[in-house]
Protein backbone atom coordinates (compact mmCIF):
# COMPACT_ATOMS: atom_id res chain seq x y z
CA MET A 1 22.22 78.82 -53.42
CA HIS A 2 25.85 78.68 -52.33
CA ARG A 3 26.33 82.44 -52.67
CA LEU A 4 23.04 83.14 -50.89
CA ALA A 5 24.08 80.94 -47.95
CA ILE A 6 27.41 82.76 -47.71
CA ALA A 7 25.59 86.10 -47.79
CA GLN A 8 23.54 85.05 -44.76
CA VAL A 9 26.52 83.89 -42.70
CA ALA A 10 29.33 86.18 -43.89
CA PRO A 11 28.05 89.06 -46.07
CA GLY A 12 31.54 90.50 -46.45
CA ALA A 13 32.83 87.30 -48.05
CA ILE A 14 30.51 87.47 -51.07
CA ASP A 15 32.23 87.23 -54.46
CA ASN A 16 31.27 90.48 -56.16
CA SER A 17 33.14 89.85 -59.41
CA PHE A 18 29.84 89.97 -61.29
CA GLY A 19 28.82 93.23 -59.62
CA ASP A 20 25.69 91.70 -58.10
CA GLY A 21 26.81 91.60 -54.46
CA GLU A 22 24.04 93.89 -53.21
CA LYS A 23 21.35 91.98 -55.09
CA ILE A 24 22.62 88.72 -53.59
CA LYS A 25 22.37 90.22 -50.09
CA GLU A 26 18.83 91.44 -50.72
CA LEU A 27 17.79 88.05 -52.08
CA ALA A 28 19.44 86.19 -49.20
CA ALA A 29 17.40 88.22 -46.71
CA LYS A 30 14.20 86.84 -48.24
CA PHE A 31 15.06 83.21 -47.44
CA SER A 32 15.50 81.37 -44.19
CA ALA A 33 18.73 79.45 -43.65
CA GLU A 34 16.79 76.19 -43.56
CA ASP A 35 15.11 76.99 -46.88
CA LEU A 36 18.45 77.54 -48.60
CA GLN A 37 19.98 74.37 -47.18
CA LEU A 38 16.92 72.40 -48.27
CA TYR A 39 16.91 73.83 -51.80
CA TYR A 40 20.64 73.22 -52.18
CA GLN A 41 20.34 69.62 -51.01
CA ILE A 42 17.36 68.89 -53.29
CA GLY A 43 19.16 70.50 -56.22
CA VAL A 44 22.34 68.49 -55.71
CA LYS A 45 20.51 65.18 -55.31
CA SER A 46 18.31 65.88 -58.34
CA ARG A 47 21.22 66.34 -60.76
CA ASP A 48 21.27 62.64 -61.61
CA GLU A 49 17.55 62.69 -62.30
CA LEU A 50 17.99 65.58 -64.73
CA LYS A 51 20.98 63.87 -66.34
CA PHE A 52 19.24 60.56 -67.03
CA SER A 53 15.71 61.82 -67.52
CA THR A 54 14.13 61.25 -70.93
CA GLU A 55 12.09 64.43 -70.48
CA VAL A 56 14.17 67.17 -68.85
CA LYS A 57 11.24 69.59 -68.61
CA SER A 58 9.18 67.23 -66.42
CA ALA A 59 12.19 66.36 -64.26
CA PHE A 60 12.98 70.04 -63.69
CA GLU A 61 9.35 70.79 -62.82
CA MET A 62 9.41 67.98 -60.25
CA LEU A 63 12.60 69.47 -58.81
CA LEU A 64 10.90 72.84 -58.33
CA LEU A 65 7.80 71.21 -56.85
CA ARG A 66 9.94 69.41 -54.28
CA MET A 67 11.47 72.71 -53.25
CA LEU A 68 8.04 74.27 -52.81
CA ILE A 69 6.35 71.35 -51.05
CA PHE A 70 9.17 70.71 -48.61
CA SER A 71 9.88 74.32 -47.69
CA PRO A 72 9.42 75.21 -43.98
CA SER A 73 6.71 77.76 -44.82
CA PHE A 74 4.70 75.10 -46.64
CA THR A 75 4.99 72.52 -43.87
CA SER A 76 4.15 74.92 -41.06
CA GLU A 77 0.58 73.82 -41.63
CA ARG A 78 1.37 70.51 -39.92
CA THR A 79 0.12 72.05 -36.68
CA GLU A 80 -3.37 71.79 -38.13
CA LEU A 81 -3.18 68.08 -37.29
CA SER A 82 -4.57 69.00 -33.88
CA VAL A 83 -8.26 68.18 -33.68
CA SER A 84 -9.18 71.60 -32.36
CA GLY A 85 -7.76 73.31 -35.45
CA VAL A 86 -9.58 71.08 -37.90
CA GLN A 87 -12.82 71.14 -35.93
CA LYS A 88 -12.79 74.93 -35.80
CA LYS A 89 -12.41 75.28 -39.55
CA LYS A 90 -15.32 72.96 -40.18
CA ASN A 91 -17.70 75.48 -38.68
CA GLU A 92 -16.35 78.62 -40.38
CA LEU A 93 -17.62 79.57 -43.85
CA VAL A 94 -16.77 82.42 -46.17
CA ILE A 95 -20.40 83.58 -46.44
CA GLU A 96 -22.21 83.87 -43.14
CA PRO A 97 -25.97 83.20 -43.11
CA THR A 98 -28.06 86.36 -42.81
CA LYS A 99 -29.74 86.73 -39.42
CA PRO A 100 -33.55 87.07 -39.38
CA ALA A 101 -34.99 90.48 -38.47
CA ASN A 102 -36.54 89.16 -35.24
CA PRO A 103 -34.55 86.10 -34.16
CA THR A 104 -36.01 83.88 -31.50
CA LYS A 105 -34.18 82.96 -28.33
CA VAL A 106 -33.50 79.48 -29.64
CA GLU A 107 -31.84 80.85 -32.79
CA GLU A 108 -29.71 83.27 -30.79
CA SER A 109 -28.41 80.59 -28.47
CA LEU A 110 -27.62 78.05 -31.20
CA PRO A 111 -24.21 79.47 -32.30
CA VAL A 112 -23.08 79.74 -28.68
CA GLU A 113 -24.07 76.14 -28.03
CA ILE A 114 -22.08 74.89 -31.04
CA VAL A 115 -18.92 76.78 -30.09
CA THR A 116 -19.11 75.57 -26.51
CA LYS A 117 -19.51 71.98 -27.62
CA ASN A 118 -16.59 72.14 -30.04
CA GLN A 119 -14.35 73.80 -27.50
CA THR A 120 -15.18 71.20 -24.87
CA GLU A 121 -14.55 68.29 -27.23
CA ALA A 122 -11.28 69.80 -28.42
CA GLU A 123 -10.06 70.34 -24.85
CA VAL A 124 -10.86 66.76 -23.87
CA ILE A 125 -9.15 65.31 -26.96
CA GLU A 126 -6.10 67.53 -26.56
CA ALA A 127 -5.76 66.46 -22.92
CA ASP A 128 -5.99 62.80 -23.90
CA VAL A 129 -3.31 63.22 -26.57
CA THR A 130 -0.90 64.88 -24.14
CA SER A 131 -1.37 62.33 -21.39
CA GLU A 132 -1.09 59.33 -23.69
CA THR A 133 1.98 60.41 -25.64
CA ASN A 134 4.01 62.06 -22.90
CA GLY A 135 2.96 59.76 -20.11
CA ASN A 136 4.75 56.55 -21.11
CA PRO A 137 7.10 56.69 -24.12
CA SER A 138 7.72 52.92 -23.94
CA GLU A 139 4.11 52.33 -24.99
CA LEU A 140 4.34 54.53 -28.07
CA SER A 141 2.53 53.05 -31.07
CA HIS A 142 2.26 54.32 -34.64
CA GLU A 143 -1.21 55.70 -33.93
CA LYS A 144 0.12 57.66 -30.95
CA TRP A 145 3.06 58.78 -33.09
CA LEU A 146 0.61 60.59 -35.37
CA GLU A 147 -0.64 62.53 -32.34
CA LEU A 148 2.85 63.08 -30.93
CA TYR A 149 4.16 64.54 -34.17
CA SER A 150 1.94 67.63 -33.98
CA GLN A 151 3.54 68.51 -30.62
CA LEU A 152 7.14 68.49 -31.84
CA GLY A 153 8.73 71.93 -31.88
CA ILE A 154 10.56 71.58 -35.19
CA ASN A 155 10.18 72.85 -38.74
CA GLY A 156 11.96 72.86 -42.06
CA ILE A 157 13.79 69.75 -43.25
CA ALA A 158 13.47 67.98 -39.88
CA ALA A 159 9.69 68.42 -39.88
CA ASN A 160 9.45 67.22 -43.49
CA ILE A 161 11.37 64.06 -42.75
CA LEU A 162 9.39 63.07 -39.65
CA ALA A 163 6.11 64.00 -41.36
CA ASN A 164 6.71 61.24 -43.88
CA THR A 165 7.74 58.48 -41.50
CA GLU A 166 6.07 55.40 -40.08
CA PHE A 167 6.92 54.47 -36.49
CA LYS A 168 8.31 50.91 -36.49
CA GLY A 169 9.03 50.37 -32.82
CA LYS A 170 11.30 51.13 -29.90
CA ASP A 171 14.52 49.30 -29.07
CA GLY A 172 15.69 50.52 -25.68
CA GLN A 173 16.22 54.26 -26.10
CA VAL A 174 16.27 54.02 -29.88
CA PHE A 175 13.11 54.99 -31.79
CA ASN A 176 12.98 53.33 -35.20
CA PHE A 177 11.23 55.07 -38.10
CA LEU A 178 10.68 54.16 -41.75
CA LEU A 179 10.94 57.12 -44.14
CA SER A 180 8.81 56.92 -47.28
CA GLU A 181 11.10 56.09 -50.19
CA ASP A 182 9.67 58.88 -52.34
CA GLN A 183 11.02 61.40 -49.80
CA SER A 184 14.60 60.10 -49.76
CA ALA A 185 15.87 63.10 -51.77
CA VAL A 186 15.58 65.39 -48.75
CA TYR A 187 17.07 62.96 -46.22
CA SER A 188 20.57 63.14 -44.81
CA GLU A 189 22.01 61.40 -41.76
CA GLU A 190 23.28 64.79 -40.60
CA ILE A 191 19.72 65.63 -39.49
CA ILE A 192 19.53 62.69 -37.04
CA PRO A 193 20.94 64.60 -34.00
CA LYS A 194 18.32 67.35 -34.46
CA LEU A 195 15.52 64.79 -34.67
CA SER A 196 16.79 62.96 -31.59
CA LEU A 197 17.02 66.21 -29.62
CA ALA A 198 13.49 67.31 -30.56
CA LEU A 199 12.01 63.94 -29.55
CA SER A 200 14.04 63.85 -26.33
CA GLU A 201 12.82 67.29 -25.28
CA LEU A 202 9.21 66.35 -25.89
CA LEU A 203 9.38 63.01 -24.08
CA GLY A 204 11.48 64.34 -21.21
CA GLU A 205 14.21 61.71 -21.59
CA GLU A 206 17.21 61.17 -23.82
CA VAL A 207 16.36 59.07 -26.87
CA LYS A 208 17.90 58.42 -30.26
CA VAL A 209 16.22 58.37 -33.65
CA ASN A 210 17.03 55.73 -36.25
CA ILE A 211 15.67 56.14 -39.78
CA GLU A 212 15.58 53.66 -42.62
CA ILE A 213 14.17 54.30 -46.09
CA GLY A 214 11.51 52.08 -47.59
CA ARG A 215 7.86 51.69 -48.51
CA VAL A 216 5.55 52.80 -45.71
CA GLU A 217 2.46 50.70 -45.05
CA LYS A 218 0.66 52.93 -42.56
CA GLU A 219 -0.58 56.51 -42.64
CA THR A 220 2.20 59.00 -42.02
CA PRO A 221 1.64 62.38 -40.29
CA ALA A 222 1.71 64.08 -43.71
CA MET A 223 -0.91 61.67 -45.06
CA SER A 224 -3.01 62.17 -41.95
CA LEU A 225 -2.91 65.95 -42.35
CA ARG A 226 -4.01 65.75 -45.98
CA ARG A 227 -6.85 63.39 -45.08
CA LEU A 228 -8.09 65.55 -42.18
CA LYS A 229 -8.01 68.68 -44.31
CA GLN A 230 -9.90 66.94 -47.09
CA GLU A 231 -12.52 65.62 -44.67
CA ALA A 232 -12.90 69.05 -43.09
CA ARG A 233 -13.32 70.66 -46.51
CA GLU A 234 -15.92 68.12 -47.62
CA GLU A 235 -17.94 68.66 -44.45
CA MET A 236 -17.63 72.43 -44.79
CA ILE A 237 -18.93 72.32 -48.38
CA ASP A 238 -21.78 70.02 -47.36
CA GLU A 239 -22.86 72.39 -44.57
CA PHE A 240 -22.57 75.37 -46.91
CA GLU A 241 -24.75 73.75 -49.57
CA LYS A 242 -27.43 72.95 -46.98
CA ASP A 243 -27.56 76.50 -45.64
CA GLU A 244 -31.03 77.98 -46.23
CA ASN A 245 -29.71 81.39 -47.22
CA VAL A 246 -27.36 79.89 -49.78
CA GLN A 247 -30.14 77.77 -51.25
CA GLU A 248 -32.43 80.80 -51.43
CA MET A 249 -29.80 82.85 -53.27
CA LEU A 250 -29.10 80.07 -55.76
CA LYS A 251 -32.81 79.67 -56.40
CA HIS A 252 -33.46 83.42 -56.70
CA PHE A 253 -30.65 84.03 -59.20
CA SER A 254 -30.89 80.62 -60.91
CA ALA A 255 -27.23 80.24 -60.08
CA LYS A 256 -24.86 77.35 -59.63
CA LEU A 257 -22.52 76.96 -56.68
CA SER A 258 -18.78 76.95 -57.44
CA LYS A 259 -17.46 74.51 -54.85
CA GLU A 260 -13.85 75.40 -55.66
CA SER A 261 -14.43 78.94 -54.40
CA ILE A 262 -15.63 77.85 -50.96
CA ALA A 263 -12.95 78.35 -48.30
CA PRO A 264 -12.76 78.81 -44.52
CA ILE A 265 -12.43 82.33 -43.12
CA LYS A 266 -8.78 83.22 -42.49
CA GLU A 267 -8.03 84.45 -39.00
């Protein structure tokens, strides 16, 4: 990780004593700077776990899982916290129902009516979120923090940290957060200025972020995202199972539906 980071910043300073300088440069180009810093930090902090673990294999697997789960590419999905994104996926299925040969006017207008309704609801909710969170920062609650998080323009380690926090209150210009103790491996006080800047830019005033580590009691943004995705998936599967065309196909072929294979259409 150290050599890859050097290759990104100063390619000419790479130690080529092993003759793998070019390979290091090629590999470094495949990672973002934030990814490398995150992996390095997780690796360093996990050394003690590997040293004192009774089962090294499990400890090492957990180390790799942390690197995957907390990578910027993995957490970019946090934007799906917005209601419009989740609502849209609920109504998109992999297999589209077959249209009748001579559809009636009512059947033709039904899809348009659904889209219009969803779009209207999403616009209203999005407007409410913006006005409530940006309007008066002093009235920020934990529930509004869940909505505010999806509007922050950050990613990588900073996004991972805030995604696993509970808002504890505001003391003057200081916003106090509680970071889930099981995420402490990726936390460093060096990230505080970046978090403070991101929150200040969104709120339109200078604020400071204070983070303590402990056991969270309320739903964090990361928990909220997982719950919304699970709810959206369950509703999508339920709608799919009830579709007349799907039922007809299952009946005709005496087949069983593999729920694990059902997924929303990728844009």
